[in-house]
Amino acid sequence: MLRNDELGLGDYGLEYIHPEIVVHAPFPDGTYLTQYHDIERTCAEFAKFSKKDAAAYRRMIADYDAVKPILAIRN
C-alpha cells in the first residue's frame, strides 16, 4: 500500500531509503552473512561458506528475474 505512495505520505515528508545491505545475519561463532542488492557481492558472501550455494543463489536470482514481470504488482 505504500509502494507507490498511495496514501500521499510523501506530502508529509515520507522518503524511502534503499540501503545497499538487505539482510545481515551474524552467527554465534563470529561469522556472518550479508545479502546486498548487488548480486556479485551477495554471491561472494555465500561463497565464504559454500561455492555451490553461491552458484545456486545466482541461478535462483536468474530464474526469478525471468518471471519477475509476471509476478510484479501493476497499477
C-alpha atoms as a PDB file:
ATOM      1  CA  MET A   1       0.000   0.000   0.000  1.00  0.00           C
ATOM      2  CA  LEU A   2       2.990   2.279   0.431  1.00  0.00           C
ATOM      3  CA  ARG A   3       4.852   1.136  -2.669  1.00  0.00           C
ATOM      4  CA  ASN A   4       3.649   3.991  -4.868  1.00  0.00           C
ATOM      5  CA  ASP A   5       2.787   6.448  -2.090  1.00  0.00           C
ATOM      6  CA  GLU A   6      -0.913   5.650  -2.410  1.00  0.00           C
ATOM      7  CA  LEU A   7      -1.589   7.413   0.883  1.00  0.00           C
ATOM      8  CA  GLY A   8       0.163  10.606  -0.187  1.00  0.00           C
ATOM      9  CA  LEU A   9       2.619  10.397   2.696  1.00  0.00           C
ATOM     10  CA  GLY A  10       5.320  11.945   0.516  1.00  0.00           C
ATOM     11  CA  ASP A  11       3.464  15.213   1.007  1.00  0.00           C
ATOM     12  CA  TYR A  12       4.256  14.886   4.717  1.00  0.00           C
ATOM     13  CA  GLY A  13       7.927  14.100   4.295  1.00  0.00           C
ATOM     14  CA  LEU A  14       7.980  10.331   3.789  1.00  0.00           C
ATOM     15  CA  GLU A  15      11.102   9.303   1.898  1.00  0.00           C
ATOM     16  CA  TYR A  16      12.023   5.743   1.013  1.00  0.00           C
ATOM     17  CA  ILE A  17      15.613   4.698   1.511  1.00  0.00           C
ATOM     18  CA  HIS A  18      17.211   1.731  -0.183  1.00  0.00           C
ATOM     19  CA  PRO A  19      20.331   0.759   1.770  1.00  0.00           C
ATOM     20  CA  GLU A  20      22.827  -1.427  -0.059  1.00  0.00           C
ATOM     21  CA  ILE A  21      22.532  -4.105   2.653  1.00  0.00           C
ATOM     22  CA  VAL A  22      19.272  -6.050   2.509  1.00  0.00           C
ATOM     23  CA  VAL A  23      19.920  -8.549   5.318  1.00  0.00           C
ATOM     24  CA  HIS A  24      22.808  -9.141   7.700  1.00  0.00           C
ATOM     25  CA  ALA A  25      22.952 -12.306   9.776  1.00  0.00           C
ATOM     26  CA  PRO A  26      25.666 -12.651  12.431  1.00  0.00           C
ATOM     27  CA  PHE A  27      26.317 -16.117  13.832  1.00  0.00           C
ATOM     28  CA  PRO A  28      27.450 -17.124  17.354  1.00  0.00           C
ATOM     29  CA  ASP A  29      30.897 -18.182  16.096  1.00  0.00           C
ATOM     30  CA  GLY A  30      31.616 -14.642  14.854  1.00  0.00           C
ATOM     31  CA  THR A  31      30.996 -15.331  11.178  1.00  0.00           C
ATOM     32  CA  TYR A  32      28.283 -13.503   9.295  1.00  0.00           C
ATOM     33  CA  LEU A  33      26.385 -13.483   6.032  1.00  0.00           C
ATOM     34  CA  THR A  34      25.304 -10.269   4.354  1.00  0.00           C
ATOM     35  CA  GLN A  35      22.878 -10.010   1.451  1.00  0.00           C
ATOM     36  CA  TYR A  36      23.247  -6.964  -0.786  1.00  0.00           C
ATOM     37  CA  HIS A  37      21.208  -5.561  -3.650  1.00  0.00           C
ATOM     38  CA  ASP A  38      24.357  -6.290  -5.703  1.00  0.00           C
ATOM     39  CA  ILE A  39      24.270  -9.968  -6.712  1.00  0.00           C
ATOM     40  CA  GLU A  40      28.074 -10.154  -7.089  1.00  0.00           C
ATOM     41  CA  ARG A  41      28.642  -9.045  -3.505  1.00  0.00           C
ATOM     42  CA  THR A  42      25.931 -11.390  -2.243  1.00  0.00           C
ATOM     43  CA  CYS A  43      27.376 -14.360  -4.128  1.00  0.00           C
ATOM     44  CA  ALA A  44      30.822 -13.565  -2.683  1.00  0.00           C
ATOM     45  CA  GLU A  45      29.252 -13.690   0.784  1.00  0.00           C
ATOM     46  CA  PHE A  46      27.646 -17.077   0.101  1.00  0.00           C
ATOM     47  CA  ALA A  47      30.921 -18.345  -1.350  1.00  0.00           C
ATOM     48  CA  LYS A  48      32.635 -17.737   2.013  1.00  0.00           C
ATOM     49  CA  PHE A  49      30.553 -20.679   3.235  1.00  0.00           C
ATOM     50  CA  SER A  50      29.827 -22.638   0.060  1.00  0.00           C
ATOM     51  CA  LYS A  51      30.725 -22.010  -3.577  1.00  0.00           C
ATOM     52  CA  LYS A  52      27.948 -24.439  -4.513  1.00  0.00           C
ATOM     53  CA  ASP A  53      25.377 -22.360  -2.611  1.00  0.00           C
ATOM     54  CA  ALA A  54      26.699 -19.174  -4.225  1.00  0.00           C
ATOM     55  CA  ALA A  55      26.182 -20.696  -7.680  1.00  0.00           C
ATOM     56  CA  ALA A  56      22.712 -21.935  -6.685  1.00  0.00           C
ATOM     57  CA  TYR A  57      21.779 -18.457  -5.430  1.00  0.00           C
ATOM     58  CA  ARG A  58      22.932 -16.929  -8.713  1.00  0.00           C
ATOM     59  CA  ARG A  59      20.757 -19.429 -10.654  1.00  0.00           C
ATOM     60  CA  MET A  60      17.781 -18.750  -8.383  1.00  0.00           C
ATOM     61  CA  ILE A  61      18.050 -14.991  -8.972  1.00  0.00           C
ATOM     62  CA  ALA A  62      18.348 -15.544 -12.750  1.00  0.00           C
ATOM     63  CA  ASP A  63      15.232 -17.748 -12.662  1.00  0.00           C
ATOM     64  CA  TYR A  64      13.379 -15.135 -10.635  1.00  0.00           C
ATOM     65  CA  ASP A  65      14.433 -12.339 -12.998  1.00  0.00           C
ATOM     66  CA  ALA A  66      12.932 -14.346 -15.865  1.00  0.00           C
ATOM     67  CA  VAL A  67       9.471 -14.439 -14.234  1.00  0.00           C
ATOM     68  CA  LYS A  68       9.588 -11.164 -12.286  1.00  0.00           C
ATOM     69  CA  PRO A  69       7.484  -9.276 -14.866  1.00  0.00           C
ATOM     70  CA  ILE A  70       4.691 -11.819 -14.408  1.00  0.00           C
ATOM     71  CA  LEU A  71       4.795 -11.500 -10.604  1.00  0.00           C
ATOM     72  CA  ALA A  72       5.190  -7.721 -10.421  1.00  0.00           C
ATOM     73  CA  ILE A  73       2.319  -5.727  -8.986  1.00  0.00           C
ATOM     74  CA  ARG A  74       0.837  -3.496 -11.611  1.00  0.00           C
ATOM     75  CA  ASN A  75      -1.079  -0.262 -11.147  1.00  0.00           C
END
